[in-house]
Amino acid sequence: EEEKMEMELSKILGKYENSQFTNAEINVLANC
């Protein structure tokens, strides 16, 4: 769960431009 949250938030809050995803540069730490 913790690994999913840390990866997924970066993809969701990132951008989709020129047919590719760019992850957001946000440091995410999770305890579940």
All heavy atoms as atom14 arrays in JSON, in Angstrom:
{
  "sequence": "EEEKMEMELSKILGKYENSQFTNAEINVLANC",
  "atom14_mask": [
    [1, 1, 1, 1, 1, 1, 1, 1, 1, 0, 0, 0, 0, 0],
    [1, 1, 1, 1, 1, 1, 1, 1, 1, 0, 0, 0, 0, 0],
    [1, 1, 1, 1, 1, 1, 1, 1, 1, 0, 0, 0, 0, 0],
    [1, 1, 1, 1, 1, 1, 1, 1, 1, 0, 0, 0, 0, 0],
    [1, 1, 1, 1, 1, 1, 1, 1, 0, 0, 0, 0, 0, 0],
    [1, 1, 1, 1, 1, 1, 1, 1, 1, 0, 0, 0, 0, 0],
    [1, 1, 1, 1, 1, 1, 1, 1, 0, 0, 0, 0, 0, 0],
    [1, 1, 1, 1, 1, 1, 1, 1, 1, 0, 0, 0, 0, 0],
    [1, 1, 1, 1, 1, 1, 1, 1, 0, 0, 0, 0, 0, 0],
    [1, 1, 1, 1, 1, 1, 0, 0, 0, 0, 0, 0, 0, 0],
    [1, 1, 1, 1, 1, 1, 1, 1, 1, 0, 0, 0, 0, 0],
    [1, 1, 1, 1, 1, 1, 1, 1, 0, 0, 0, 0, 0, 0],
    [1, 1, 1, 1, 1, 1, 1, 1, 0, 0, 0, 0, 0, 0],
    [1, 1, 1, 1, 0, 0, 0, 0, 0, 0, 0, 0, 0, 0],
    [1, 1, 1, 1, 1, 1, 1, 1, 1, 0, 0, 0, 0, 0],
    [1, 1, 1, 1, 1, 1, 1, 1, 1, 1, 1, 1, 0, 0],
    [1, 1, 1, 1, 1, 1, 1, 1, 1, 0, 0, 0, 0, 0],
    [1, 1, 1, 1, 1, 1, 1, 1, 0, 0, 0, 0, 0, 0],
    [1, 1, 1, 1, 1, 1, 0, 0, 0, 0, 0, 0, 0, 0],
    [1, 1, 1, 1, 1, 1, 1, 1, 1, 0, 0, 0, 0, 0],
    [1, 1, 1, 1, 1, 1, 1, 1, 1, 1, 1, 0, 0, 0],
    [1, 1, 1, 1, 1, 1, 1, 0, 0, 0, 0, 0, 0, 0],
    [1, 1, 1, 1, 1, 1, 1, 1, 0, 0, 0, 0, 0, 0],
    [1, 1, 1, 1, 1, 0, 0, 0, 0, 0, 0, 0, 0, 0],
    [1, 1, 1, 1, 1, 1, 1, 1, 1, 0, 0, 0, 0, 0],
    [1, 1, 1, 1, 1, 1, 1, 1, 0, 0, 0, 0, 0, 0],
    [1, 1, 1, 1, 1, 1, 1, 1, 0, 0, 0, 0, 0, 0],
    [1, 1, 1, 1, 1, 1, 1, 0, 0, 0, 0, 0, 0, 0],
    [1, 1, 1, 1, 1, 1, 1, 1, 0, 0, 0, 0, 0, 0],
    [1, 1, 1, 1, 1, 0, 0, 0, 0, 0, 0, 0, 0, 0],
    [1, 1, 1, 1, 1, 1, 1, 1, 0, 0, 0, 0, 0, 0],
    [1, 1, 1, 1, 1, 1, 0, 0, 0, 0, 0, 0, 0, 0]
  ],
  "atom14_positions": [
    [[0.81, -1.22, 0.0], [0.0, 0.0, 0.0], [0.85, 1.27, 0.0], [0.58, 2.21, -0.75], [-0.92, -0.02, 1.22], [-2.09, 0.94, 1.14], [-3.26, 0.37, 0.36], [-3.13, -0.73, -0.21], [-4.3, 1.04, 0.32], [0.0, 0.0, 0.0], [0.0, 0.0, 0.0], [0.0, 0.0, 0.0], [0.0, 0.0, 0.0], [0.0, 0.0, 0.0]],
    [[1.86, 1.3, 0.85], [2.67, 2.51, 0.95], [3.41, 2.8, -0.35], [3.47, 3.95, -0.82], [3.64, 2.38, 2.13], [2.91, 2.33, 3.46], [3.72, 1.73, 4.59], [4.89, 1.36, 4.36], [3.18, 1.65, 5.71], [0.0, 0.0, 0.0], [0.0, 0.0, 0.0], [0.0, 0.0, 0.0], [0.0, 0.0, 0.0], [0.0, 0.0, 0.0]],
    [[3.95, 1.74, -0.95], [4.66, 1.91, -2.21], [3.73, 2.4, -3.32], [4.09, 3.27, -4.12], [5.31, 0.58, -2.62], [6.42, 0.1, -1.7], [5.89, -0.66, -0.47], [4.65, -0.79, -0.32], [6.72, -1.1, 0.34], [0.0, 0.0, 0.0], [0.0, 0.0, 0.0], [0.0, 0.0, 0.0], [0.0, 0.0, 0.0], [0.0, 0.0, 0.0]],
    [[2.5, 1.86, -3.36], [1.53, 2.3, -4.37], [1.22, 3.79, -4.21], [1.2, 4.54, -5.19], [0.23, 1.5, -4.24], [0.33, 0.05, -4.67], [-1.0, -0.65, -4.39], [-0.91, -2.14, -4.6], [-2.16, -2.83, -4.2], [0.0, 0.0, 0.0], [0.0, 0.0, 0.0], [0.0, 0.0, 0.0], [0.0, 0.0, 0.0], [0.0, 0.0, 0.0]],
    [[0.96, 4.21, -2.97], [0.61, 5.6, -2.75], [1.74, 6.54, -3.19], [1.5, 7.56, -3.85], [0.3, 5.84, -1.27], [-0.96, 5.17, -0.78], [-1.39, 5.71, 0.87], [-2.06, 7.34, 0.52], [0.0, 0.0, 0.0], [0.0, 0.0, 0.0], [0.0, 0.0, 0.0], [0.0, 0.0, 0.0], [0.0, 0.0, 0.0], [0.0, 0.0, 0.0]],
    [[2.95, 6.2, -2.85], [4.08, 7.07, -3.16], [4.31, 7.18, -4.66], [4.66, 8.25, -5.18], [5.32, 6.57, -2.44], [5.21, 6.74, -0.92], [6.3, 6.04, -0.12], [7.17, 5.38, -0.75], [6.3, 6.16, 1.1], [0.0, 0.0, 0.0], [0.0, 0.0, 0.0], [0.0, 0.0, 0.0], [0.0, 0.0, 0.0], [0.0, 0.0, 0.0]],
    [[4.09, 6.08, -5.4], [4.25, 6.11, -6.86], [3.06, 6.78, -7.54], [3.22, 7.59, -8.45], [4.42, 4.69, -7.4], [5.74, 4.04, -7.1], [5.95, 2.5, -8.04], [4.56, 1.52, -7.45], [0.0, 0.0, 0.0], [0.0, 0.0, 0.0], [0.0, 0.0, 0.0], [0.0, 0.0, 0.0], [0.0, 0.0, 0.0], [0.0, 0.0, 0.0]],
    [[1.86, 6.42, -7.11], [0.67, 6.84, -7.83], [0.42, 8.35, -7.74], [0.02, 8.98, -8.73], [-0.55, 6.07, -7.31], [-0.53, 4.6, -7.68], [-1.68, 3.81, -7.09], [-2.6, 4.42, -6.5], [-1.65, 2.57, -7.23], [0.0, 0.0, 0.0], [0.0, 0.0, 0.0], [0.0, 0.0, 0.0], [0.0, 0.0, 0.0], [0.0, 0.0, 0.0]],
    [[0.64, 8.93, -6.57], [0.41, 10.36, -6.45], [1.3, 11.16, -7.4], [0.86, 12.17, -7.98], [0.65, 10.81, -5.01], [-0.5, 10.58, -4.04], [-0.06, 10.83, -2.6], [-1.71, 11.47, -4.39], [0.0, 0.0, 0.0], [0.0, 0.0, 0.0], [0.0, 0.0, 0.0], [0.0, 0.0, 0.0], [0.0, 0.0, 0.0], [0.0, 0.0, 0.0]],
    [[2.52, 10.72, -7.59], [3.43, 11.43, -8.5], [2.92, 11.38, -9.94], [3.03, 12.37, -10.67], [4.84, 10.84, -8.41], [5.39, 11.06, -7.13], [0.0, 0.0, 0.0], [0.0, 0.0, 0.0], [0.0, 0.0, 0.0], [0.0, 0.0, 0.0], [0.0, 0.0, 0.0], [0.0, 0.0, 0.0], [0.0, 0.0, 0.0], [0.0, 0.0, 0.0]],
    [[2.36, 10.25, -10.34], [1.82, 10.13, -11.7], [0.55, 10.95, -11.85], [0.36, 11.68, -12.83], [1.56, 8.67, -12.05], [1.06, 8.47, -13.49], [0.94, 7.0, -13.86], [0.47, 6.84, -15.3], [0.36, 5.41, -15.71], [0.0, 0.0, 0.0], [0.0, 0.0, 0.0], [0.0, 0.0, 0.0], [0.0, 0.0, 0.0], [0.0, 0.0, 0.0]],
    [[-0.35, 10.86, -10.88], [-1.64, 11.56, -10.96], [-1.44, 13.07, -11.0], [-2.1, 13.78, -11.78], [-2.53, 11.17, -9.76], [-2.96, 9.7, -9.89], [-3.76, 12.07, -9.66], [-3.48, 9.12, -8.6], [0.0, 0.0, 0.0], [0.0, 0.0, 0.0], [0.0, 0.0, 0.0], [0.0, 0.0, 0.0], [0.0, 0.0, 0.0], [0.0, 0.0, 0.0]],
    [[-0.57, 13.59, -10.15], [-0.37, 15.03, -10.06], [0.62, 15.56, -11.09], [0.88, 16.76, -11.16], [0.09, 15.41, -8.65], [-0.92, 15.1, -7.53], [-0.33, 15.44, -6.17], [-2.24, 15.83, -7.75], [0.0, 0.0, 0.0], [0.0, 0.0, 0.0], [0.0, 0.0, 0.0], [0.0, 0.0, 0.0], [0.0, 0.0, 0.0], [0.0, 0.0, 0.0]],
    [[1.18, 14.66, -11.9], [2.1, 15.06, -12.95], [1.37, 15.48, -14.22], [0.15, 15.67, -14.23], [0.0, 0.0, 0.0], [0.0, 0.0, 0.0], [0.0, 0.0, 0.0], [0.0, 0.0, 0.0], [0.0, 0.0, 0.0], [0.0, 0.0, 0.0], [0.0, 0.0, 0.0], [0.0, 0.0, 0.0], [0.0, 0.0, 0.0], [0.0, 0.0, 0.0]],
    [[2.1, 15.6, -15.31], [1.54, 16.09, -16.57], [1.55, 14.99, -17.63], [2.33, 14.04, -17.56], [2.35, 17.29, -17.06], [2.28, 18.5, -16.15], [3.12, 19.65, -16.7], [3.04, 20.87, -15.78], [3.87, 21.99, -16.29], [0.0, 0.0, 0.0], [0.0, 0.0, 0.0], [0.0, 0.0, 0.0], [0.0, 0.0, 0.0], [0.0, 0.0, 0.0]],
    [[0.67, 15.16, -18.62], [0.7, 14.33, -19.82], [0.84, 15.25, -21.02], [-0.09, 15.98, -21.37], [-0.57, 13.48, -19.94], [-0.54, 12.57, -21.15], [0.27, 11.44, -21.16], [-1.3, 12.86, -22.28], [0.32, 10.61, -22.27], [-1.26, 12.03, -23.4], [-0.45, 10.91, -23.38], [-0.4, 10.09, -24.49], [0.0, 0.0, 0.0], [0.0, 0.0, 0.0]],
    [[2.03, 15.26, -21.59], [2.34, 16.14, -22.71], [3.19, 15.39, -23.72], [4.03, 14.56, -23.35], [3.11, 17.39, -22.24], [2.32, 18.29, -21.31], [3.15, 19.44, -20.77], [4.37, 19.27, -20.61], [2.57, 20.51, -20.51], [0.0, 0.0, 0.0], [0.0, 0.0, 0.0], [0.0, 0.0, 0.0], [0.0, 0.0, 0.0], [0.0, 0.0, 0.0]],
    [[2.98, 15.68, -25.01], [3.76, 15.05, -26.08], [3.74, 13.53, -25.96], [4.76, 12.85, -26.1], [5.2, 15.57, -26.07], [5.26, 17.08, -26.25], [4.54, 17.64, -27.06], [6.13, 17.73, -25.47], [0.0, 0.0, 0.0], [0.0, 0.0, 0.0], [0.0, 0.0, 0.0], [0.0, 0.0, 0.0], [0.0, 0.0, 0.0], [0.0, 0.0, 0.0]],
    [[2.55, 13.02, -25.64], [2.31, 11.57, -25.58], [3.13, 10.86, -24.51], [3.44, 9.67, -24.64], [2.56, 10.91, -26.95], [1.68, 11.42, -27.91], [0.0, 0.0, 0.0], [0.0, 0.0, 0.0], [0.0, 0.0, 0.0], [0.0, 0.0, 0.0], [0.0, 0.0, 0.0], [0.0, 0.0, 0.0], [0.0, 0.0, 0.0], [0.0, 0.0, 0.0]],
    [[3.48, 11.57, -23.44], [4.17, 10.89, -22.35], [3.85, 11.55, -21.01], [3.52, 12.73, -20.93], [5.67, 10.86, -22.57], [6.36, 12.21, -22.59], [7.85, 12.1, -22.83], [8.34, 11.05, -23.24], [8.58, 13.16, -22.58], [0.0, 0.0, 0.0], [0.0, 0.0, 0.0], [0.0, 0.0, 0.0], [0.0, 0.0, 0.0], [0.0, 0.0, 0.0]],
    [[3.92, 10.73, -19.96], [3.68, 11.19, -18.6], [4.98, 11.73, -18.01], [6.05, 11.15, -18.19], [3.18, 10.05, -17.71], [1.81, 9.55, -18.07], [1.65, 8.34, -18.72], [0.69, 10.29, -17.76], [0.39, 7.86, -19.05], [-0.59, 9.83, -18.09], [-0.73, 8.61, -18.74], [0.0, 0.0, 0.0], [0.0, 0.0, 0.0], [0.0, 0.0, 0.0]],
    [[4.86, 12.84, -17.28], [5.96, 13.37, -16.5], [5.49, 13.45, -15.05], [4.53, 14.17, -14.76], [6.38, 14.77, -16.98], [6.74, 14.7, -18.37], [7.55, 15.3, -16.17], [0.0, 0.0, 0.0], [0.0, 0.0, 0.0], [0.0, 0.0, 0.0], [0.0, 0.0, 0.0], [0.0, 0.0, 0.0], [0.0, 0.0, 0.0], [0.0, 0.0, 0.0]],
    [[6.15, 12.73, -14.17], [5.73, 12.7, -12.77], [5.96, 14.04, -12.08], [6.9, 14.77, -12.4], [6.48, 11.62, -12.01], [6.0, 10.22, -12.35], [4.99, 10.05, -13.03], [6.72, 9.22, -11.91], [0.0, 0.0, 0.0], [0.0, 0.0, 0.0], [0.0, 0.0, 0.0], [0.0, 0.0, 0.0], [0.0, 0.0, 0.0], [0.0, 0.0, 0.0]],
    [[5.09, 14.35, -11.14], [5.24, 15.56, -10.34], [6.45, 15.41, -9.42], [6.72, 14.33, -8.9], [3.99, 15.8, -9.51], [0.0, 0.0, 0.0], [0.0, 0.0, 0.0], [0.0, 0.0, 0.0], [0.0, 0.0, 0.0], [0.0, 0.0, 0.0], [0.0, 0.0, 0.0], [0.0, 0.0, 0.0], [0.0, 0.0, 0.0], [0.0, 0.0, 0.0]],
    [[7.16, 16.5, -9.22], [8.34, 16.48, -8.33], [7.89, 16.81, -6.92], [8.12, 17.9, -6.39], [9.39, 17.45, -8.84], [9.98, 17.05, -10.18], [11.09, 17.98, -10.63], [11.39, 18.94, -9.9], [11.64, 17.74, -11.73], [0.0, 0.0, 0.0], [0.0, 0.0, 0.0], [0.0, 0.0, 0.0], [0.0, 0.0, 0.0], [0.0, 0.0, 0.0]],
    [[7.21, 15.85, -6.3], [6.69, 16.0, -4.94], [7.22, 14.85, -4.11], [7.11, 13.68, -4.49], [5.14, 15.99, -4.93], [4.59, 17.15, -5.77], [4.61, 16.05, -3.51], [3.1, 17.08, -6.02], [0.0, 0.0, 0.0], [0.0, 0.0, 0.0], [0.0, 0.0, 0.0], [0.0, 0.0, 0.0], [0.0, 0.0, 0.0], [0.0, 0.0, 0.0]],
    [[7.81, 15.18, -2.98], [8.31, 14.14, -2.08], [7.15, 13.59, -1.27], [6.5, 14.33, -0.52], [9.38, 14.74, -1.15], [10.12, 13.68, -0.37], [10.01, 12.5, -0.65], [10.86, 14.11, 0.63], [0.0, 0.0, 0.0], [0.0, 0.0, 0.0], [0.0, 0.0, 0.0], [0.0, 0.0, 0.0], [0.0, 0.0, 0.0], [0.0, 0.0, 0.0]],
    [[6.85, 12.3, -1.43], [5.7, 11.67, -0.78], [6.18, 10.56, 0.15], [6.94, 9.68, -0.25], [4.73, 11.06, -1.83], [3.54, 10.41, -1.13], [4.26, 12.13, -2.81], [0.0, 0.0, 0.0], [0.0, 0.0, 0.0], [0.0, 0.0, 0.0], [0.0, 0.0, 0.0], [0.0, 0.0, 0.0], [0.0, 0.0, 0.0], [0.0, 0.0, 0.0]],
    [[5.76, 10.61, 1.41], [6.05, 9.57, 2.4], [4.74, 9.05, 2.95], [3.84, 9.84, 3.28], [6.9, 10.13, 3.54], [8.24, 10.76, 3.18], [8.89, 11.37, 4.41], [9.17, 9.73, 2.55], [0.0, 0.0, 0.0], [0.0, 0.0, 0.0], [0.0, 0.0, 0.0], [0.0, 0.0, 0.0], [0.0, 0.0, 0.0], [0.0, 0.0, 0.0]],
    [[4.59, 7.72, 3.05], [3.31, 7.14, 3.48], [3.51, 6.06, 4.52], [4.43, 5.24, 4.44], [2.57, 6.57, 2.28], [0.0, 0.0, 0.0], [0.0, 0.0, 0.0], [0.0, 0.0, 0.0], [0.0, 0.0, 0.0], [0.0, 0.0, 0.0], [0.0, 0.0, 0.0], [0.0, 0.0, 0.0], [0.0, 0.0, 0.0], [0.0, 0.0, 0.0]],
    [[2.63, 6.05, 5.52], [2.48, 4.96, 6.48], [1.02, 4.52, 6.43], [0.12, 5.37, 6.51], [2.81, 5.41, 7.9], [4.3, 5.44, 8.16], [5.0, 4.47, 7.88], [4.8, 6.54, 8.68], [0.0, 0.0, 0.0], [0.0, 0.0, 0.0], [0.0, 0.0, 0.0], [0.0, 0.0, 0.0], [0.0, 0.0, 0.0], [0.0, 0.0, 0.0]],
    [[0.76, 3.22, 6.31], [-0.6, 2.73, 6.11], [-0.99, 1.72, 7.19], [-0.22, 0.8, 7.5], [-0.74, 2.09, 4.74], [-0.49, 3.26, 3.38], [0.0, 0.0, 0.0], [0.0, 0.0, 0.0], [0.0, 0.0, 0.0], [0.0, 0.0, 0.0], [0.0, 0.0, 0.0], [0.0, 0.0, 0.0], [0.0, 0.0, 0.0], [0.0, 0.0, 0.0]]
  ]
}
